[in-house]
Amino acid sequence: MGLVARVIEEAGVPTVLVSTGRDLTAQVLPPRSVFVNFPMGNPFGPAGDVALQRRILLDALHLAETADRGGVIVDLPYDWGRPFASLVDAVTDAMTAG
């Protein structure tokens, strides 16, 4: 997505990525990115946690307004609240049940 963000930026549209893979984000260096230490595929947090999702969105929009250089990665302070393994186990169980 970082490469796509660069192309969109070249067209004059500011972008901010919400990343769950900090190492990959650091390698690709999109124009602006916020990092959340959440399981892959869950950049805005657990389903149904509207308050957290809103905070992450507002943080990303704030970065769009305030970033003063390209390649900025801001680490957000939010916590998933439980081990990621429980999410992986639930997905694996759901996939093998069908």
PDB file of N, CA and C in Angstrom:
ATOM      1  N   MET A   1       0.808  -1.195   0.000  1.00  0.00           N
ATOM      2  CA  MET A   1       0.000   0.000   0.000  1.00  0.00           C
ATOM      3  C   MET A   1       0.854   1.263   0.000  1.00  0.00           C
ATOM      4  N   GLY A   2       2.050   1.176   0.534  1.00  0.00           N
ATOM      5  CA  GLY A   2       2.912   2.344   0.569  1.00  0.00           C
ATOM      6  C   GLY A   2       3.246   2.862  -0.816  1.00  0.00           C
ATOM      7  N   LEU A   3       3.439   1.938  -1.747  1.00  0.00           N
ATOM      8  CA  LEU A   3       3.741   2.354  -3.116  1.00  0.00           C
ATOM      9  C   LEU A   3       2.523   3.007  -3.763  1.00  0.00           C
ATOM     10  N   VAL A   4       1.351   2.480  -3.493  1.00  0.00           N
ATOM     11  CA  VAL A   4       0.121   3.082  -4.000  1.00  0.00           C
ATOM     12  C   VAL A   4      -0.054   4.476  -3.413  1.00  0.00           C
ATOM     13  N   ALA A   5       0.248   4.627  -2.131  1.00  0.00           N
ATOM     14  CA  ALA A   5       0.134   5.934  -1.483  1.00  0.00           C
ATOM     15  C   ALA A   5       1.032   6.957  -2.166  1.00  0.00           C
ATOM     16  N   ARG A   6       2.213   6.530  -2.561  1.00  0.00           N
ATOM     17  CA  ARG A   6       3.125   7.464  -3.248  1.00  0.00           C
ATOM     18  C   ARG A   6       2.528   7.959  -4.562  1.00  0.00           C
ATOM     19  N   VAL A   7       1.914   7.059  -5.327  1.00  0.00           N
ATOM     20  CA  VAL A   7       1.301   7.438  -6.603  1.00  0.00           C
ATOM     21  C   VAL A   7       0.140   8.397  -6.363  1.00  0.00           C
ATOM     22  N   ILE A   8      -0.673   8.127  -5.351  1.00  0.00           N
ATOM     23  CA  ILE A   8      -1.800   9.011  -5.019  1.00  0.00           C
ATOM     24  C   ILE A   8      -1.280  10.378  -4.603  1.00  0.00           C
ATOM     25  N   GLU A   9      -0.201  10.400  -3.831  1.00  0.00           N
ATOM     26  CA  GLU A   9       0.406  11.667  -3.412  1.00  0.00           C
ATOM     27  C   GLU A   9       0.900  12.465  -4.620  1.00  0.00           C
ATOM     28  N   GLU A  10       1.466  11.774  -5.593  1.00  0.00           N
ATOM     29  CA  GLU A  10       1.947  12.458  -6.799  1.00  0.00           C
ATOM     30  C   GLU A  10       0.807  13.155  -7.531  1.00  0.00           C
ATOM     31  N   ALA A  11      -0.412  12.635  -7.364  1.00  0.00           N
ATOM     32  CA  ALA A  11      -1.597  13.251  -7.976  1.00  0.00           C
ATOM     33  C   ALA A  11      -2.130  14.402  -7.133  1.00  0.00           C
ATOM     34  N   GLY A  12      -1.484  14.665  -5.984  1.00  0.00           N
ATOM     35  CA  GLY A  12      -1.867  15.793  -5.149  1.00  0.00           C
ATOM     36  C   GLY A  12      -2.820  15.480  -4.010  1.00  0.00           C
ATOM     37  N   VAL A  13      -3.032  14.195  -3.738  1.00  0.00           N
ATOM     38  CA  VAL A  13      -3.945  13.805  -2.663  1.00  0.00           C
ATOM     39  C   VAL A  13      -3.126  13.287  -1.478  1.00  0.00           C
ATOM     40  N   PRO A  14      -3.231  13.945  -0.318  1.00  0.00           N
ATOM     41  CA  PRO A  14      -2.474  13.472   0.859  1.00  0.00           C
ATOM     42  C   PRO A  14      -2.967  12.102   1.320  1.00  0.00           C
ATOM     43  N   THR A  15      -2.036  11.281   1.787  1.00  0.00           N
ATOM     44  CA  THR A  15      -2.384   9.944   2.275  1.00  0.00           C
ATOM     45  C   THR A  15      -1.764   9.703   3.647  1.00  0.00           C
ATOM     46  N   VAL A  16      -2.418   8.835   4.415  1.00  0.00           N
ATOM     47  CA  VAL A  16      -1.876   8.323   5.673  1.00  0.00           C
ATOM     48  C   VAL A  16      -2.243   6.847   5.728  1.00  0.00           C
ATOM     49  N   LEU A  17      -1.261   5.996   5.919  1.00  0.00           N
ATOM     50  CA  LEU A  17      -1.532   4.577   6.076  1.00  0.00           C
ATOM     51  C   LEU A  17      -1.671   4.244   7.550  1.00  0.00           C
ATOM     52  N   VAL A  18      -2.572   3.326   7.869  1.00  0.00           N
ATOM     53  CA  VAL A  18      -2.680   2.780   9.214  1.00  0.00           C
ATOM     54  C   VAL A  18      -2.086   1.381   9.123  1.00  0.00           C
ATOM     55  N   SER A  19      -0.944   1.192   9.764  1.00  0.00           N
ATOM     56  CA  SER A  19      -0.130  -0.002   9.581  1.00  0.00           C
ATOM     57  C   SER A  19      -0.126  -0.893  10.810  1.00  0.00           C
ATOM     58  N   THR A  20      -0.129  -2.207  10.562  1.00  0.00           N
ATOM     59  CA  THR A  20       0.072  -3.185  11.635  1.00  0.00           C
ATOM     60  C   THR A  20       1.389  -3.930  11.438  1.00  0.00           C
ATOM     61  N   GLY A  21       2.169  -3.511  10.464  1.00  0.00           N
ATOM     62  CA  GLY A  21       3.473  -4.123  10.199  1.00  0.00           C
ATOM     63  C   GLY A  21       4.549  -3.053  10.140  1.00  0.00           C
ATOM     64  N   ARG A  22       5.062  -2.679  11.295  1.00  0.00           N
ATOM     65  CA  ARG A  22       5.998  -1.550  11.342  1.00  0.00           C
ATOM     66  C   ARG A  22       7.247  -1.797  10.518  1.00  0.00           C
ATOM     67  N   ASP A  23       7.797  -3.008  10.573  1.00  0.00           N
ATOM     68  CA  ASP A  23       9.023  -3.290   9.827  1.00  0.00           C
ATOM     69  C   ASP A  23       8.807  -3.141   8.326  1.00  0.00           C
ATOM     70  N   LEU A  24       7.679  -3.615   7.826  1.00  0.00           N
ATOM     71  CA  LEU A  24       7.374  -3.464   6.399  1.00  0.00           C
ATOM     72  C   LEU A  24       7.147  -2.007   6.031  1.00  0.00           C
ATOM     73  N   THR A  25       6.448  -1.294   6.899  1.00  0.00           N
ATOM     74  CA  THR A  25       6.193   0.127   6.660  1.00  0.00           C
ATOM     75  C   THR A  25       7.500   0.907   6.600  1.00  0.00           C
ATOM     76  N   ALA A  26       8.429   0.585   7.487  1.00  0.00           N
ATOM     77  CA  ALA A  26       9.723   1.268   7.502  1.00  0.00           C
ATOM     78  C   ALA A  26      10.520   0.987   6.232  1.00  0.00           C
ATOM     79  N   GLN A  27      10.344  -0.179   5.647  1.00  0.00           N
ATOM     80  CA  GLN A  27      11.054  -0.510   4.415  1.00  0.00           C
ATOM     81  C   GLN A  27      10.462   0.215   3.214  1.00  0.00           C
ATOM     82  N   VAL A  28       9.132   0.299   3.148  1.00  0.00           N
ATOM     83  CA  VAL A  28       8.461   0.905   1.999  1.00  0.00           C
ATOM     84  C   VAL A  28       8.432   2.427   2.106  1.00  0.00           C
ATOM     85  N   LEU A  29       8.392   2.937   3.325  1.00  0.00           N
ATOM     86  CA  LEU A  29       8.339   4.372   3.615  1.00  0.00           C
ATOM     87  C   LEU A  29       7.254   5.112   2.829  1.00  0.00           C
ATOM     88  N   PRO A  30       5.988   4.839   3.164  1.00  0.00           N
ATOM     89  CA  PRO A  30       4.917   5.644   2.565  1.00  0.00           C
ATOM     90  C   PRO A  30       5.050   7.094   3.036  1.00  0.00           C
ATOM     91  N   PRO A  31       4.343   8.012   2.407  1.00  0.00           N
ATOM     92  CA  PRO A  31       4.465   9.421   2.792  1.00  0.00           C
ATOM     93  C   PRO A  31       4.218   9.676   4.285  1.00  0.00           C
ATOM     94  N   ARG A  32       3.169   9.103   4.832  1.00  0.00           N
ATOM     95  CA  ARG A  32       2.835   9.244   6.248  1.00  0.00           C
ATOM     96  C   ARG A  32       2.167   7.949   6.698  1.00  0.00           C
ATOM     97  N   SER A  33       2.460   7.550   7.930  1.00  0.00           N
ATOM     98  CA  SER A  33       1.857   6.322   8.431  1.00  0.00           C
ATOM     99  C   SER A  33       1.744   6.369   9.945  1.00  0.00           C
ATOM    100  N   VAL A  34       0.669   5.784  10.459  1.00  0.00           N
ATOM    101  CA  VAL A  34       0.560   5.531  11.893  1.00  0.00           C
ATOM    102  C   VAL A  34       0.637   4.019  12.077  1.00  0.00           C
ATOM    103  N   PHE A  35       1.322   3.600  13.115  1.00  0.00           N
ATOM    104  CA  PHE A  35       1.484   2.178  13.409  1.00  0.00           C
ATOM    105  C   PHE A  35       0.717   1.824  14.667  1.00  0.00           C
ATOM    106  N   VAL A  36      -0.060   0.752  14.578  1.00  0.00           N
ATOM    107  CA  VAL A  36      -0.726   0.198  15.755  1.00  0.00           C
ATOM    108  C   VAL A  36      -0.252  -1.248  15.908  1.00  0.00           C
ATOM    109  N   ASN A  37       0.108  -1.624  17.105  1.00  0.00           N
ATOM    110  CA  ASN A  37       0.601  -2.973  17.353  1.00  0.00           C
ATOM    111  C   ASN A  37      -0.581  -3.916  17.567  1.00  0.00           C
ATOM    112  N   PHE A  38      -1.280  -4.147  16.471  1.00  0.00           N
ATOM    113  CA  PHE A  38      -2.453  -5.021  16.449  1.00  0.00           C
ATOM    114  C   PHE A  38      -2.183  -6.157  15.470  1.00  0.00           C
ATOM    115  N   PRO A  39      -2.955  -7.241  15.560  1.00  0.00           N
ATOM    116  CA  PRO A  39      -2.776  -8.339  14.593  1.00  0.00           C
ATOM    117  C   PRO A  39      -3.024  -7.845  13.161  1.00  0.00           C
ATOM    118  N   MET A  40      -2.284  -8.425  12.223  1.00  0.00           N
ATOM    119  CA  MET A  40      -2.470  -8.076  10.811  1.00  0.00           C
ATOM    120  C   MET A  40      -3.952  -8.197  10.443  1.00  0.00           C
ATOM    121  N   GLY A  41      -4.407  -7.269   9.640  1.00  0.00           N
ATOM    122  CA  GLY A  41      -5.799  -7.278   9.208  1.00  0.00           C
ATOM    123  C   GLY A  41      -6.749  -6.566  10.153  1.00  0.00           C
ATOM    124  N   ASN A  42      -6.232  -6.028  11.235  1.00  0.00           N
ATOM    125  CA  ASN A  42      -7.062  -5.346  12.230  1.00  0.00           C
ATOM    126  C   ASN A  42      -6.516  -3.957  12.548  1.00  0.00           C
ATOM    127  N   PRO A  43      -6.264  -3.113  11.538  1.00  0.00           N
ATOM    128  CA  PRO A  43      -5.590  -1.847  11.803  1.00  0.00           C
ATOM    129  C   PRO A  43      -6.387  -0.866  12.657  1.00  0.00           C
ATOM    130  N   PHE A  44      -7.696  -1.037  12.722  1.00  0.00           N
ATOM    131  CA  PHE A  44      -8.497  -0.120  13.537  1.00  0.00           C
ATOM    132  C   PHE A  44      -8.985  -0.775  14.821  1.00  0.00           C
ATOM    133  N   GLY A  45      -8.437  -1.930  15.159  1.00  0.00           N
ATOM    134  CA  GLY A  45      -8.775  -2.563  16.421  1.00  0.00           C
ATOM    135  C   GLY A  45      -9.860  -3.604  16.305  1.00  0.00           C
ATOM    136  N   PRO A  46     -10.292  -4.111  17.440  1.00  0.00           N
ATOM    137  CA  PRO A  46     -11.313  -5.163  17.458  1.00  0.00           C
ATOM    138  C   PRO A  46     -12.644  -4.676  16.882  1.00  0.00           C
ATOM    139  N   ALA A  47     -13.346  -5.598  16.255  1.00  0.00           N
ATOM    140  CA  ALA A  47     -14.670  -5.284  15.719  1.00  0.00           C
ATOM    141  C   ALA A  47     -15.574  -4.787  16.836  1.00  0.00           C
ATOM    142  N   GLY A  48     -16.315  -3.738  16.560  1.00  0.00           N
ATOM    143  CA  GLY A  48     -17.277  -3.214  17.508  1.00  0.00           C
ATOM    144  C   GLY A  48     -16.736  -2.188  18.483  1.00  0.00           C
ATOM    145  N   ASP A  49     -15.428  -1.989  18.521  1.00  0.00           N
ATOM    146  CA  ASP A  49     -14.853  -1.005  19.443  1.00  0.00           C
ATOM    147  C   ASP A  49     -14.813   0.356  18.739  1.00  0.00           C
ATOM    148  N   VAL A  50     -15.971   0.957  18.637  1.00  0.00           N
ATOM    149  CA  VAL A  50     -16.135   2.192  17.876  1.00  0.00           C
ATOM    150  C   VAL A  50     -15.298   3.332  18.445  1.00  0.00           C
ATOM    151  N   ALA A  51     -15.205   3.415  19.753  1.00  0.00           N
ATOM    152  CA  ALA A  51     -14.431   4.501  20.373  1.00  0.00           C
ATOM    153  C   ALA A  51     -12.956   4.408  19.980  1.00  0.00           C
ATOM    154  N   LEU A  52     -12.386   3.213  20.016  1.00  0.00           N
ATOM    155  CA  LEU A  52     -10.990   3.025  19.638  1.00  0.00           C
ATOM    156  C   LEU A  52     -10.804   3.288  18.144  1.00  0.00           C
ATOM    157  N   GLN A  53     -11.709   2.789  17.338  1.00  0.00           N
ATOM    158  CA  GLN A  53     -11.612   2.996  15.895  1.00  0.00           C
ATOM    159  C   GLN A  53     -11.645   4.485  15.556  1.00  0.00           C
ATOM    160  N   ARG A  54     -12.476   5.214  16.245  1.00  0.00           N
ATOM    161  CA  ARG A  54     -12.554   6.661  16.028  1.00  0.00           C
ATOM    162  C   ARG A  54     -11.252   7.353  16.429  1.00  0.00           C
ATOM    163  N   ARG A  55     -10.669   6.944  17.571  1.00  0.00           N
ATOM    164  CA  ARG A  55      -9.411   7.552  18.021  1.00  0.00           C
ATOM    165  C   ARG A  55      -8.291   7.317  17.004  1.00  0.00           C
ATOM    166  N   ILE A  56      -8.210   6.100  16.480  1.00  0.00           N
ATOM    167  CA  ILE A  56      -7.178   5.786  15.494  1.00  0.00           C
ATOM    168  C   ILE A  56      -7.387   6.609  14.225  1.00  0.00           C
ATOM    169  N   LEU A  57      -8.619   6.713  13.773  1.00  0.00           N
ATOM    170  CA  LEU A  57      -8.923   7.520  12.592  1.00  0.00           C
ATOM    171  C   LEU A  57      -8.547   8.980  12.817  1.00  0.00           C
ATOM    172  N   LEU A  58      -8.907   9.526  13.971  1.00  0.00           N
ATOM    173  CA  LEU A  58      -8.569  10.921  14.271  1.00  0.00           C
ATOM    174  C   LEU A  58      -7.059  11.127  14.362  1.00  0.00           C
ATOM    175  N   ASP A  59      -6.338  10.140  14.917  1.00  0.00           N
ATOM    176  CA  ASP A  59      -4.873  10.223  14.963  1.00  0.00           C
ATOM    177  C   ASP A  59      -4.289  10.253  13.547  1.00  0.00           C
ATOM    178  N   ALA A  60      -4.827   9.421  12.665  1.00  0.00           N
ATOM    179  CA  ALA A  60      -4.340   9.385  11.288  1.00  0.00           C
ATOM    180  C   ALA A  60      -4.625  10.712  10.582  1.00  0.00           C
ATOM    181  N   LEU A  61      -5.811  11.257  10.768  1.00  0.00           N
ATOM    182  CA  LEU A  61      -6.153  12.539  10.149  1.00  0.00           C
ATOM    183  C   LEU A  61      -5.298  13.670  10.714  1.00  0.00           C
ATOM    184  N   HIS A  62      -5.016  13.600  12.003  1.00  0.00           N
ATOM    185  CA  HIS A  62      -4.151  14.615  12.619  1.00  0.00           C
ATOM    186  C   HIS A  62      -2.753  14.581  11.983  1.00  0.00           C
ATOM    187  N   LEU A  63      -2.245  13.377  11.729  1.00  0.00           N
ATOM    188  CA  LEU A  63      -0.936  13.265  11.090  1.00  0.00           C
ATOM    189  C   LEU A  63      -0.972  13.856   9.681  1.00  0.00           C
ATOM    190  N   ALA A  64      -2.067  13.670   8.975  1.00  0.00           N
ATOM    191  CA  ALA A  64      -2.186  14.254   7.631  1.00  0.00           C
ATOM    192  C   ALA A  64      -2.059  15.773   7.685  1.00  0.00           C
ATOM    193  N   GLU A  65      -2.549  16.359   8.758  1.00  0.00           N
ATOM    194  CA  GLU A  65      -2.498  17.819   8.907  1.00  0.00           C
ATOM    195  C   GLU A  65      -1.149  18.325   9.405  1.00  0.00           C
ATOM    196  N   THR A  66      -0.447  17.522  10.192  1.00  0.00           N
ATOM    197  CA  THR A  66       0.713  18.051  10.915  1.00  0.00           C
ATOM    198  C   THR A  66       2.076  17.535  10.457  1.00  0.00           C
ATOM    199  N   ALA A  67       2.124  16.479   9.668  1.00  0.00           N
ATOM    200  CA  ALA A  67       3.426  15.931   9.269  1.00  0.00           C
ATOM    201  C   ALA A  67       4.228  16.986   8.522  1.00  0.00           C
ATOM    202  N   ASP A  68       5.478  17.150   8.916  1.00  0.00           N
ATOM    203  CA  ASP A  68       6.302  18.181   8.293  1.00  0.00           C
ATOM    204  C   ASP A  68       7.376  17.613   7.369  1.00  0.00           C
ATOM    205  N   ARG A  69       7.366  16.288   7.187  1.00  0.00           N
ATOM    206  CA  ARG A  69       8.321  15.648   6.281  1.00  0.00           C
ATOM    207  C   ARG A  69       7.747  14.313   5.818  1.00  0.00           C
ATOM    208  N   GLY A  70       8.259  13.811   4.715  1.00  0.00           N
ATOM    209  CA  GLY A  70       7.808  12.522   4.202  1.00  0.00           C
ATOM    210  C   GLY A  70       8.408  11.362   4.968  1.00  0.00           C
ATOM    211  N   GLY A  71       7.766  10.221   4.871  1.00  0.00           N
ATOM    212  CA  GLY A  71       8.272   9.012   5.508  1.00  0.00           C
ATOM    213  C   GLY A  71       8.037   8.924   7.003  1.00  0.00           C
ATOM    214  N   VAL A  72       7.182   9.782   7.532  1.00  0.00           N
ATOM    215  CA  VAL A  72       6.917   9.809   8.972  1.00  0.00           C
ATOM    216  C   VAL A  72       6.123   8.564   9.374  1.00  0.00           C
ATOM    217  N   ILE A  73       6.572   7.901  10.436  1.00  0.00           N
ATOM    218  CA  ILE A  73       5.822   6.798  11.050  1.00  0.00           C
ATOM    219  C   ILE A  73       5.598   7.178  12.507  1.00  0.00           C
ATOM    220  N   VAL A  74       4.341   7.275  12.905  1.00  0.00           N
ATOM    221  CA  VAL A  74       4.002   7.599  14.284  1.00  0.00           C
ATOM    222  C   VAL A  74       3.468   6.334  14.953  1.00  0.00           C
ATOM    223  N   ASP A  75       4.094   5.943  16.057  1.00  0.00           N
ATOM    224  CA  ASP A  75       3.638   4.783  16.822  1.00  0.00           C
ATOM    225  C   ASP A  75       2.501   5.219  17.737  1.00  0.00           C
ATOM    226  N   LEU A  76       1.326   4.635  17.542  1.00  0.00           N
ATOM    227  CA  LEU A  76       0.186   4.963  18.399  1.00  0.00           C
ATOM    228  C   LEU A  76       0.230   4.099  19.658  1.00  0.00           C
ATOM    229  N   PRO A  77      -0.286   4.607  20.773  1.00  0.00           N
ATOM    230  CA  PRO A  77      -0.105   3.941  22.061  1.00  0.00           C
ATOM    231  C   PRO A  77      -1.139   2.862  22.401  1.00  0.00           C
ATOM    232  N   TYR A  78      -1.983   2.487  21.472  1.00  0.00           N
ATOM    233  CA  TYR A  78      -3.099   1.598  21.800  1.00  0.00           C
ATOM    234  C   TYR A  78      -2.657   0.150  21.956  1.00  0.00           C
ATOM    235  N   ASP A  79      -3.357  -0.555  22.845  1.00  0.00           N
ATOM    236  CA  ASP A  79      -3.033  -1.941  23.176  1.00  0.00           C
ATOM    237  C   ASP A  79      -4.178  -2.844  22.745  1.00  0.00           C
ATOM    238  N   TRP A  80      -3.856  -3.959  22.116  1.00  0.00           N
ATOM    239  CA  TRP A  80      -4.874  -4.907  21.661  1.00  0.00           C
ATOM    240  C   TRP A  80      -5.640  -5.494  22.846  1.00  0.00           C
ATOM    241  N   GLY A  81      -4.980  -5.628  23.975  1.00  0.00           N
ATOM    242  CA  GLY A  81      -5.671  -6.045  25.190  1.00  0.00           C
ATOM    243  C   GLY A  81      -5.619  -7.527  25.513  1.00  0.00           C
ATOM    244  N   ARG A  82      -5.157  -8.319  24.600  1.00  0.00           N
ATOM    245  CA  ARG A  82      -5.014  -9.750  24.850  1.00  0.00           C
ATOM    246  C   ARG A  82      -3.973 -10.296  23.868  1.00  0.00           C
ATOM    247  N   PRO A  83      -3.442 -11.484  24.126  1.00  0.00           N
ATOM    248  CA  PRO A  83      -2.429 -12.038  23.209  1.00  0.00           C
ATOM    249  C   PRO A  83      -2.997 -12.245  21.807  1.00  0.00           C
ATOM    250  N   PHE A  84      -2.184 -11.964  20.808  1.00  0.00           N
ATOM    251  CA  PHE A  84      -2.624 -12.146  19.424  1.00  0.00           C
ATOM    252  C   PHE A  84      -2.953 -13.607  19.135  1.00  0.00           C
ATOM    253  N   ALA A  85      -2.308 -14.513  19.840  1.00  0.00           N
ATOM    254  CA  ALA A  85      -2.500 -15.939  19.587  1.00  0.00           C
ATOM    255  C   ALA A  85      -3.962 -16.343  19.712  1.00  0.00           C
ATOM    256  N   SER A  86      -4.705 -15.713  20.618  1.00  0.00           N
ATOM    257  CA  SER A  86      -6.119 -16.067  20.779  1.00  0.00           C
ATOM    258  C   SER A  86      -6.909 -15.738  19.514  1.00  0.00           C
ATOM    259  N   LEU A  87      -6.553 -14.664  18.836  1.00  0.00           N
ATOM    260  CA  LEU A  87      -7.216 -14.299  17.585  1.00  0.00           C
ATOM    261  C   LEU A  87      -6.854 -15.293  16.484  1.00  0.00           C
ATOM    262  N   VAL A  88      -5.596 -15.652  16.400  1.00  0.00           N
ATOM    263  CA  VAL A  88      -5.147 -16.618  15.395  1.00  0.00           C
ATOM    264  C   VAL A  88      -5.840 -17.950  15.612  1.00  0.00           C
ATOM    265  N   ASP A  89      -5.937 -18.401  16.861  1.00  0.00           N
ATOM    266  CA  ASP A  89      -6.606 -19.665  17.168  1.00  0.00           C
ATOM    267  C   ASP A  89      -8.071 -19.622  16.755  1.00  0.00           C
ATOM    268  N   ALA A  90      -8.759 -18.522  17.026  1.00  0.00           N
ATOM    269  CA  ALA A  90     -10.171 -18.400  16.677  1.00  0.00           C
ATOM    270  C   ALA A  90     -10.368 -18.457  15.162  1.00  0.00           C
ATOM    271  N   VAL A  91      -9.516 -17.785  14.428  1.00  0.00           N
ATOM    272  CA  VAL A  91      -9.621 -17.801  12.954  1.00  0.00           C
ATOM    273  C   VAL A  91      -9.324 -19.203  12.419  1.00  0.00           C
ATOM    274  N   THR A  92      -8.294 -19.838  12.950  1.00  0.00           N
ATOM    275  CA  THR A  92      -7.939 -21.190  12.503  1.00  0.00           C
ATOM    276  C   THR A  92      -9.073 -22.158  12.794  1.00  0.00           C
ATOM    277  N   ASP A  93      -9.660 -22.075  13.974  1.00  0.00           N
ATOM    278  CA  ASP A  93     -10.787 -22.944  14.318  1.00  0.00           C
ATOM    279  C   ASP A  93     -11.958 -22.728  13.387  1.00  0.00           C
ATOM    280  N   ALA A  94     -12.257 -21.475  13.068  1.00  0.00           N
ATOM    281  CA  ALA A  94     -13.366 -21.168  12.176  1.00  0.00           C
ATOM    282  C   ALA A  94     -13.114 -21.709  10.771  1.00  0.00           C
ATOM    283  N   MET A  95     -11.876 -21.669  10.322  1.00  0.00           N
ATOM    284  CA  MET A  95     -11.555 -22.142   8.978  1.00  0.00           C
ATOM    285  C   MET A  95     -11.640 -23.663   8.884  1.00  0.00           C
ATOM    286  N   THR A  96     -11.278 -24.362   9.937  1.00  0.00           N
ATOM    287  CA  THR A  96     -11.282 -25.818   9.885  1.00  0.00           C
ATOM    288  C   THR A  96     -12.651 -26.411  10.229  1.00  0.00           C
ATOM    289  N   ALA A  97     -13.544 -25.608  10.811  1.00  0.00           N
ATOM    290  CA  ALA A  97     -14.870 -26.109  11.199  1.00  0.00           C
ATOM    291  C   ALA A  97     -15.779 -26.298   9.994  1.00  0.00           C
ATOM    292  N   GLY A  98     -15.551 -25.546   8.926  1.00  0.00           N
ATOM    293  CA  GLY A  98     -16.452 -25.559   7.775  1.00  0.00           C
ATOM    294  C   GLY A  98     -16.108 -26.566   6.797  1.00  0.00           C
TER     295      GLY A  98
END
